[in-house]
Amino acid sequence: MIFKKTFEIRWSDLDANRHLANSAYQNFMSHTRMAFLLSNGFTQKELIMHNIGPIVFYEHIYYFRELLPEDKVEVDLKLKGLSKDGMFFNFEHDFYNSDGKNCARCEMMGAWIDMNSRKLVPLPEHLLKPLDKLSKTEDFKILTSEDTRKYCVKPKN
Protein backbone atom coordinates (compact mmCIF):
# COMPACT_ATOMS: atom_id res chain seq x y z
CA MET A 1 0.00 0.00 0.00
CA ILE A 2 1.30 3.45 -0.93
CA PHE A 3 0.20 5.83 1.81
CA LYS A 4 -0.93 9.27 0.50
CA LYS A 5 -2.08 12.61 1.89
CA THR A 6 -3.48 15.56 -0.03
CA PHE A 7 -2.82 19.17 0.96
CA GLU A 8 -4.11 22.55 -0.13
CA ILE A 9 -1.40 25.16 -0.47
CA ARG A 10 -1.94 27.96 2.03
CA TRP A 11 -0.65 31.51 1.69
CA SER A 12 1.84 30.79 4.49
CA ASP A 13 3.26 27.84 2.46
CA LEU A 14 4.59 30.16 -0.27
CA ASP A 15 8.00 31.78 -0.58
CA ALA A 16 8.98 35.11 -2.18
CA ASN A 17 8.72 33.52 -5.66
CA ARG A 18 5.07 32.60 -4.98
CA HIS A 19 5.64 28.86 -5.18
CA LEU A 20 5.77 26.22 -2.46
CA ALA A 21 8.55 27.07 0.02
CA ASN A 22 11.22 24.57 1.05
CA SER A 23 9.90 24.50 4.60
CA ALA A 24 6.40 23.60 3.34
CA TYR A 25 7.78 20.51 1.59
CA GLN A 26 9.27 19.40 4.91
CA ASN A 27 6.04 20.13 6.78
CA PHE A 28 3.94 18.19 4.26
CA MET A 29 6.35 15.22 4.45
CA SER A 30 6.36 15.21 8.25
CA HIS A 31 2.57 15.40 8.33
CA THR A 32 2.30 12.50 5.86
CA ARG A 33 4.73 10.33 7.86
CA MET A 34 3.02 11.09 11.16
CA ALA A 35 -0.42 10.37 9.67
CA PHE A 36 0.84 6.95 8.53
CA LEU A 37 2.45 6.22 11.90
CA LEU A 38 -0.58 7.37 13.90
CA SER A 39 -2.95 5.30 11.78
CA ASN A 40 -0.73 2.25 12.38
CA GLY A 41 -0.41 2.24 16.16
CA PHE A 42 2.40 4.76 16.71
CA THR A 43 0.24 6.91 19.00
CA GLN A 44 1.68 9.27 21.59
CA LYS A 45 0.45 6.89 24.29
CA GLU A 46 2.34 4.01 22.65
CA LEU A 47 5.53 6.03 22.17
CA ILE A 48 5.40 7.22 25.80
CA MET A 49 4.82 3.67 27.02
CA HIS A 50 8.02 2.54 25.24
CA ASN A 51 9.81 5.81 25.98
CA ILE A 52 10.82 6.29 22.33
CA GLY A 53 10.67 9.02 19.73
CA PRO A 54 11.70 9.38 16.08
CA ILE A 55 14.70 11.45 15.03
CA VAL A 56 15.73 12.64 11.56
CA PHE A 57 19.32 12.15 10.33
CA TYR A 58 18.77 13.92 7.02
CA GLU A 59 16.24 14.92 4.38
CA HIS A 60 17.31 15.36 0.74
CA ILE A 61 14.80 17.05 -1.51
CA TYR A 62 15.02 16.98 -5.30
CA TYR A 63 12.84 19.54 -7.10
CA PHE A 64 11.52 18.78 -10.60
CA ARG A 65 8.85 21.45 -11.17
CA GLU A 66 7.10 24.20 -9.26
CA LEU A 67 4.10 23.71 -7.02
CA LEU A 68 1.88 26.78 -7.24
CA PRO A 69 -0.89 28.22 -5.04
CA GLU A 70 -3.65 26.79 -7.25
CA ASP A 71 -2.29 23.23 -6.98
CA LYS A 72 -3.53 20.59 -4.63
CA VAL A 73 -0.48 18.63 -3.50
CA GLU A 74 -0.48 14.87 -3.07
CA VAL A 75 2.39 13.48 -1.01
CA ASP A 76 3.05 9.76 -0.87
CA LEU A 77 5.15 7.67 1.47
CA LYS A 78 7.15 4.56 0.63
CA LEU A 79 9.67 2.54 2.62
CA LYS A 80 13.15 2.84 1.10
CA GLY A 81 14.99 0.98 3.85
CA LEU A 82 14.63 -0.52 7.31
CA SER A 83 17.05 -2.23 9.66
CA LYS A 84 16.11 -5.72 10.80
CA ASP A 85 15.35 -4.45 14.30
CA GLY A 86 13.58 -1.33 13.04
CA MET A 87 16.08 1.03 14.69
CA PHE A 88 16.92 2.75 11.37
CA PHE A 89 14.38 3.73 8.73
CA ASN A 90 14.57 5.38 5.34
CA PHE A 91 11.44 6.85 3.73
CA GLU A 92 10.84 8.26 0.27
CA HIS A 93 8.20 10.85 -0.54
CA ASP A 94 6.97 11.92 -3.96
CA PHE A 95 5.03 15.16 -4.48
CA TYR A 96 2.41 15.44 -7.23
CA ASN A 97 0.53 18.50 -8.48
CA SER A 98 -3.15 18.70 -9.43
CA ASP A 99 -2.33 17.27 -12.88
CA GLY A 100 -0.59 14.24 -11.39
CA LYS A 101 2.89 15.45 -12.40
CA ASN A 102 5.75 14.42 -10.12
CA CYS A 103 7.12 17.75 -8.83
CA ALA A 104 9.60 16.65 -6.17
CA ARG A 105 11.06 13.65 -4.37
CA CYS A 106 12.56 13.44 -0.93
CA GLU A 107 14.60 10.80 0.80
CA MET A 108 14.74 10.98 4.57
CA MET A 109 16.58 8.77 7.03
CA GLY A 110 16.00 8.52 10.74
CA ALA A 111 16.06 6.29 13.77
CA TRP A 112 14.32 5.70 17.09
CA ILE A 113 15.78 7.16 20.27
CA ASP A 114 15.22 6.30 23.93
CA MET A 115 13.94 9.53 25.46
CA ASN A 116 15.88 9.03 28.73
CA SER A 117 19.23 7.62 27.65
CA ARG A 118 19.22 9.62 24.37
CA LYS A 119 20.62 6.51 22.68
CA LEU A 120 19.35 4.80 19.54
CA VAL A 121 17.09 1.82 20.22
CA PRO A 122 15.32 -0.91 18.23
CA LEU A 123 11.63 -0.57 17.51
CA PRO A 124 9.36 -2.77 19.64
CA GLU A 125 8.43 -5.90 17.65
CA HIS A 126 4.70 -5.13 17.43
CA LEU A 127 5.47 -1.71 15.88
CA LEU A 128 7.66 -3.28 13.19
CA LYS A 129 4.69 -5.16 11.70
CA PRO A 130 2.77 -2.11 10.38
CA LEU A 131 5.81 -1.05 8.35
CA ASP A 132 5.41 -4.27 6.33
CA LYS A 133 2.12 -2.86 4.98
CA LEU A 134 3.86 0.13 3.44
CA SER A 135 4.93 -0.09 -0.21
CA LYS A 136 8.67 -0.43 -0.70
CA THR A 137 10.74 1.42 -3.28
CA GLU A 138 12.37 -0.59 -6.06
CA ASP A 139 15.75 -0.02 -4.40
CA PHE A 140 14.56 -0.96 -0.88
CA LYS A 141 17.33 -2.33 1.31
CA ILE A 142 17.89 -3.72 4.79
CA LEU A 143 19.74 -0.95 6.61
CA THR A 144 22.80 -1.20 8.82
CA SER A 145 24.47 1.52 10.89
CA GLU A 146 26.96 2.03 8.03
CA ASP A 147 24.09 3.18 5.80
CA THR A 148 23.44 6.07 8.18
CA ARG A 149 26.96 7.38 7.58
CA LYS A 150 27.04 7.25 3.79
CA TYR A 151 27.61 10.98 3.42
CA CYS A 152 30.51 11.01 5.91
CA VAL A 153 29.70 14.50 7.18
CA LYS A 154 31.28 15.14 10.57
CA PRO A 155 31.01 18.12 12.94
CA LYS A 156 33.90 20.62 12.80
CA ASN A 157 34.54 20.41 16.54
C-alpha atoms as a PDB file:
ATOM      1  CA  MET A   1       0.000   0.000   0.000  1.00  0.00           C
ATOM      2  CA  ILE A   2       1.302   3.449  -0.928  1.00  0.00           C
ATOM      3  CA  PHE A   3       0.196   5.832   1.807  1.00  0.00           C
ATOM      4  CA  LYS A   4      -0.926   9.271   0.500  1.00  0.00           C
ATOM      5  CA  LYS A   5      -2.078  12.607   1.886  1.00  0.00           C
ATOM      6  CA  THR A   6      -3.484  15.556  -0.030  1.00  0.00           C
ATOM      7  CA  PHE A   7      -2.824  19.171   0.956  1.00  0.00           C
ATOM      8  CA  GLU A   8      -4.109  22.552  -0.125  1.00  0.00           C
ATOM      9  CA  ILE A   9      -1.395  25.163  -0.470  1.00  0.00           C
ATOM     10  CA  ARG A  10      -1.941  27.959   2.030  1.00  0.00           C
ATOM     11  CA  TRP A  11      -0.653  31.507   1.686  1.00  0.00           C
ATOM     12  CA  SER A  12       1.840  30.786   4.489  1.00  0.00           C
ATOM     13  CA  ASP A  13       3.258  27.838   2.461  1.00  0.00           C
ATOM     14  CA  LEU A  14       4.586  30.163  -0.273  1.00  0.00           C
ATOM     15  CA  ASP A  15       8.002  31.782  -0.578  1.00  0.00           C
ATOM     16  CA  ALA A  16       8.981  35.112  -2.183  1.00  0.00           C
ATOM     17  CA  ASN A  17       8.724  33.520  -5.655  1.00  0.00           C
ATOM     18  CA  ARG A  18       5.068  32.601  -4.981  1.00  0.00           C
ATOM     19  CA  HIS A  19       5.635  28.862  -5.175  1.00  0.00           C
ATOM     20  CA  LEU A  20       5.769  26.216  -2.455  1.00  0.00           C
ATOM     21  CA  ALA A  21       8.548  27.071   0.021  1.00  0.00           C
ATOM     22  CA  ASN A  22      11.219  24.568   1.054  1.00  0.00           C
ATOM     23  CA  SER A  23       9.898  24.497   4.602  1.00  0.00           C
ATOM     24  CA  ALA A  24       6.401  23.603   3.344  1.00  0.00           C
ATOM     25  CA  TYR A  25       7.778  20.509   1.594  1.00  0.00           C
ATOM     26  CA  GLN A  26       9.267  19.401   4.909  1.00  0.00           C
ATOM     27  CA  ASN A  27       6.040  20.133   6.780  1.00  0.00           C
ATOM     28  CA  PHE A  28       3.943  18.185   4.255  1.00  0.00           C
ATOM     29  CA  MET A  29       6.350  15.219   4.446  1.00  0.00           C
ATOM     30  CA  SER A  30       6.358  15.212   8.246  1.00  0.00           C
ATOM     31  CA  HIS A  31       2.574  15.403   8.327  1.00  0.00           C
ATOM     32  CA  THR A  32       2.305  12.498   5.857  1.00  0.00           C
ATOM     33  CA  ARG A  33       4.733  10.331   7.863  1.00  0.00           C
ATOM     34  CA  MET A  34       3.018  11.087  11.164  1.00  0.00           C
ATOM     35  CA  ALA A  35      -0.418  10.373   9.666  1.00  0.00           C
ATOM     36  CA  PHE A  36       0.836   6.954   8.535  1.00  0.00           C
ATOM     37  CA  LEU A  37       2.454   6.218  11.897  1.00  0.00           C
ATOM     38  CA  LEU A  38      -0.583   7.367  13.904  1.00  0.00           C
ATOM     39  CA  SER A  39      -2.949   5.297  11.775  1.00  0.00           C
ATOM     40  CA  ASN A  40      -0.727   2.253  12.379  1.00  0.00           C
ATOM     41  CA  GLY A  41      -0.411   2.245  16.159  1.00  0.00           C
ATOM     42  CA  PHE A  42       2.397   4.756  16.708  1.00  0.00           C
ATOM     43  CA  THR A  43       0.244   6.906  18.995  1.00  0.00           C
ATOM     44  CA  GLN A  44       1.676   9.275  21.592  1.00  0.00           C
ATOM     45  CA  LYS A  45       0.448   6.891  24.287  1.00  0.00           C
ATOM     46  CA  GLU A  46       2.339   4.007  22.647  1.00  0.00           C
ATOM     47  CA  LEU A  47       5.534   6.026  22.175  1.00  0.00           C
ATOM     48  CA  ILE A  48       5.397   7.217  25.796  1.00  0.00           C
ATOM     49  CA  MET A  49       4.823   3.665  27.017  1.00  0.00           C
ATOM     50  CA  HIS A  50       8.015   2.538  25.242  1.00  0.00           C
ATOM     51  CA  ASN A  51       9.814   5.812  25.983  1.00  0.00           C
ATOM     52  CA  ILE A  52      10.816   6.291  22.330  1.00  0.00           C
ATOM     53  CA  GLY A  53      10.670   9.016  19.726  1.00  0.00           C
ATOM     54  CA  PRO A  54      11.698   9.380  16.078  1.00  0.00           C
ATOM     55  CA  ILE A  55      14.700  11.453  15.028  1.00  0.00           C
ATOM     56  CA  VAL A  56      15.727  12.637  11.559  1.00  0.00           C
ATOM     57  CA  PHE A  57      19.318  12.149  10.334  1.00  0.00           C
ATOM     58  CA  TYR A  58      18.769  13.920   7.020  1.00  0.00           C
ATOM     59  CA  GLU A  59      16.241  14.925   4.384  1.00  0.00           C
ATOM     60  CA  HIS A  60      17.311  15.358   0.741  1.00  0.00           C
ATOM     61  CA  ILE A  61      14.797  17.050  -1.513  1.00  0.00           C
ATOM     62  CA  TYR A  62      15.018  16.976  -5.304  1.00  0.00           C
ATOM     63  CA  TYR A  63      12.838  19.538  -7.099  1.00  0.00           C
ATOM     64  CA  PHE A  64      11.524  18.783 -10.598  1.00  0.00           C
ATOM     65  CA  ARG A  65       8.855  21.451 -11.175  1.00  0.00           C
ATOM     66  CA  GLU A  66       7.096  24.205  -9.259  1.00  0.00           C
ATOM     67  CA  LEU A  67       4.102  23.709  -7.020  1.00  0.00           C
ATOM     68  CA  LEU A  68       1.884  26.781  -7.239  1.00  0.00           C
ATOM     69  CA  PRO A  69      -0.887  28.221  -5.038  1.00  0.00           C
ATOM     70  CA  GLU A  70      -3.651  26.794  -7.246  1.00  0.00           C
ATOM     71  CA  ASP A  71      -2.287  23.227  -6.979  1.00  0.00           C
ATOM     72  CA  LYS A  72      -3.532  20.585  -4.628  1.00  0.00           C
ATOM     73  CA  VAL A  73      -0.480  18.626  -3.500  1.00  0.00           C
ATOM     74  CA  GLU A  74      -0.477  14.874  -3.069  1.00  0.00           C
ATOM     75  CA  VAL A  75       2.394  13.476  -1.005  1.00  0.00           C
ATOM     76  CA  ASP A  76       3.048   9.761  -0.870  1.00  0.00           C
ATOM     77  CA  LEU A  77       5.152   7.668   1.468  1.00  0.00           C
ATOM     78  CA  LYS A  78       7.152   4.560   0.633  1.00  0.00           C
ATOM     79  CA  LEU A  79       9.669   2.544   2.619  1.00  0.00           C
ATOM     80  CA  LYS A  80      13.150   2.843   1.098  1.00  0.00           C
ATOM     81  CA  GLY A  81      14.991   0.980   3.852  1.00  0.00           C
ATOM     82  CA  LEU A  82      14.626  -0.520   7.308  1.00  0.00           C
ATOM     83  CA  SER A  83      17.052  -2.232   9.660  1.00  0.00           C
ATOM     84  CA  LYS A  84      16.112  -5.723  10.800  1.00  0.00           C
ATOM     85  CA  ASP A  85      15.355  -4.452  14.303  1.00  0.00           C
ATOM     86  CA  GLY A  86      13.580  -1.332  13.039  1.00  0.00           C
ATOM     87  CA  MET A  87      16.084   1.029  14.686  1.00  0.00           C
ATOM     88  CA  PHE A  88      16.921   2.751  11.375  1.00  0.00           C
ATOM     89  CA  PHE A  89      14.375   3.731   8.727  1.00  0.00           C
ATOM     90  CA  ASN A  90      14.569   5.384   5.341  1.00  0.00           C
ATOM     91  CA  PHE A  91      11.440   6.851   3.730  1.00  0.00           C
ATOM     92  CA  GLU A  92      10.836   8.259   0.272  1.00  0.00           C
ATOM     93  CA  HIS A  93       8.195  10.854  -0.543  1.00  0.00           C
ATOM     94  CA  ASP A  94       6.968  11.920  -3.964  1.00  0.00           C
ATOM     95  CA  PHE A  95       5.034  15.163  -4.483  1.00  0.00           C
ATOM     96  CA  TYR A  96       2.406  15.437  -7.226  1.00  0.00           C
ATOM     97  CA  ASN A  97       0.529  18.499  -8.476  1.00  0.00           C
ATOM     98  CA  SER A  98      -3.151  18.696  -9.432  1.00  0.00           C
ATOM     99  CA  ASP A  99      -2.334  17.269 -12.885  1.00  0.00           C
ATOM    100  CA  GLY A 100      -0.587  14.241 -11.386  1.00  0.00           C
ATOM    101  CA  LYS A 101       2.888  15.447 -12.404  1.00  0.00           C
ATOM    102  CA  ASN A 102       5.752  14.418 -10.120  1.00  0.00           C
ATOM    103  CA  CYS A 103       7.118  17.746  -8.831  1.00  0.00           C
ATOM    104  CA  ALA A 104       9.604  16.650  -6.169  1.00  0.00           C
ATOM    105  CA  ARG A 105      11.065  13.653  -4.373  1.00  0.00           C
ATOM    106  CA  CYS A 106      12.562  13.441  -0.926  1.00  0.00           C
ATOM    107  CA  GLU A 107      14.601  10.799   0.804  1.00  0.00           C
ATOM    108  CA  MET A 108      14.736  10.979   4.573  1.00  0.00           C
ATOM    109  CA  MET A 109      16.582   8.774   7.029  1.00  0.00           C
ATOM    110  CA  GLY A 110      15.998   8.517  10.737  1.00  0.00           C
ATOM    111  CA  ALA A 111      16.056   6.294  13.774  1.00  0.00           C
ATOM    112  CA  TRP A 112      14.316   5.702  17.089  1.00  0.00           C
ATOM    113  CA  ILE A 113      15.782   7.159  20.268  1.00  0.00           C
ATOM    114  CA  ASP A 114      15.217   6.298  23.930  1.00  0.00           C
ATOM    115  CA  MET A 115      13.944   9.526  25.463  1.00  0.00           C
ATOM    116  CA  ASN A 116      15.882   9.032  28.733  1.00  0.00           C
ATOM    117  CA  SER A 117      19.233   7.619  27.645  1.00  0.00           C
ATOM    118  CA  ARG A 118      19.221   9.624  24.367  1.00  0.00           C
ATOM    119  CA  LYS A 119      20.618   6.506  22.678  1.00  0.00           C
ATOM    120  CA  LEU A 120      19.349   4.805  19.535  1.00  0.00           C
ATOM    121  CA  VAL A 121      17.094   1.815  20.223  1.00  0.00           C
ATOM    122  CA  PRO A 122      15.318  -0.910  18.234  1.00  0.00           C
ATOM    123  CA  LEU A 123      11.633  -0.567  17.513  1.00  0.00           C
ATOM    124  CA  PRO A 124       9.362  -2.770  19.645  1.00  0.00           C
ATOM    125  CA  GLU A 125       8.433  -5.901  17.653  1.00  0.00           C
ATOM    126  CA  HIS A 126       4.703  -5.129  17.434  1.00  0.00           C
ATOM    127  CA  LEU A 127       5.468  -1.712  15.881  1.00  0.00           C
ATOM    128  CA  LEU A 128       7.658  -3.283  13.191  1.00  0.00           C
ATOM    129  CA  LYS A 129       4.693  -5.156  11.700  1.00  0.00           C
ATOM    130  CA  PRO A 130       2.767  -2.105  10.384  1.00  0.00           C
ATOM    131  CA  LEU A 131       5.813  -1.051   8.354  1.00  0.00           C
ATOM    132  CA  ASP A 132       5.412  -4.267   6.326  1.00  0.00           C
ATOM    133  CA  LYS A 133       2.118  -2.859   4.978  1.00  0.00           C
ATOM    134  CA  LEU A 134       3.857   0.132   3.444  1.00  0.00           C
ATOM    135  CA  SER A 135       4.934  -0.087  -0.206  1.00  0.00           C
ATOM    136  CA  LYS A 136       8.667  -0.432  -0.703  1.00  0.00           C
ATOM    137  CA  THR A 137      10.736   1.423  -3.279  1.00  0.00           C
ATOM    138  CA  GLU A 138      12.369  -0.589  -6.057  1.00  0.00           C
ATOM    139  CA  ASP A 139      15.747  -0.023  -4.401  1.00  0.00           C
ATOM    140  CA  PHE A 140      14.565  -0.956  -0.875  1.00  0.00           C
ATOM    141  CA  LYS A 141      17.329  -2.331   1.308  1.00  0.00           C
ATOM    142  CA  ILE A 142      17.894  -3.724   4.787  1.00  0.00           C
ATOM    143  CA  LEU A 143      19.743  -0.948   6.607  1.00  0.00           C
ATOM    144  CA  THR A 144      22.804  -1.201   8.821  1.00  0.00           C
ATOM    145  CA  SER A 145      24.471   1.519  10.892  1.00  0.00           C
ATOM    146  CA  GLU A 146      26.958   2.034   8.025  1.00  0.00           C
ATOM    147  CA  ASP A 147      24.093   3.180   5.797  1.00  0.00           C
ATOM    148  CA  THR A 148      23.439   6.066   8.183  1.00  0.00           C
ATOM    149  CA  ARG A 149      26.957   7.382   7.577  1.00  0.00           C
ATOM    150  CA  LYS A 150      27.042   7.245   3.787  1.00  0.00           C
ATOM    151  CA  TYR A 151      27.607  10.982   3.422  1.00  0.00           C
ATOM    152  CA  CYS A 152      30.509  11.014   5.911  1.00  0.00           C
ATOM    153  CA  VAL A 153      29.699  14.500   7.177  1.00  0.00           C
ATOM    154  CA  LYS A 154      31.283  15.144  10.571  1.00  0.00           C
ATOM    155  CA  PRO A 155      31.014  18.115  12.937  1.00  0.00           C
ATOM    156  CA  LYS A 156      33.896  20.617  12.805  1.00  0.00           C
ATOM    157  CA  ASN A 157      34.540  20.411  16.545  1.00  0.00           C
END
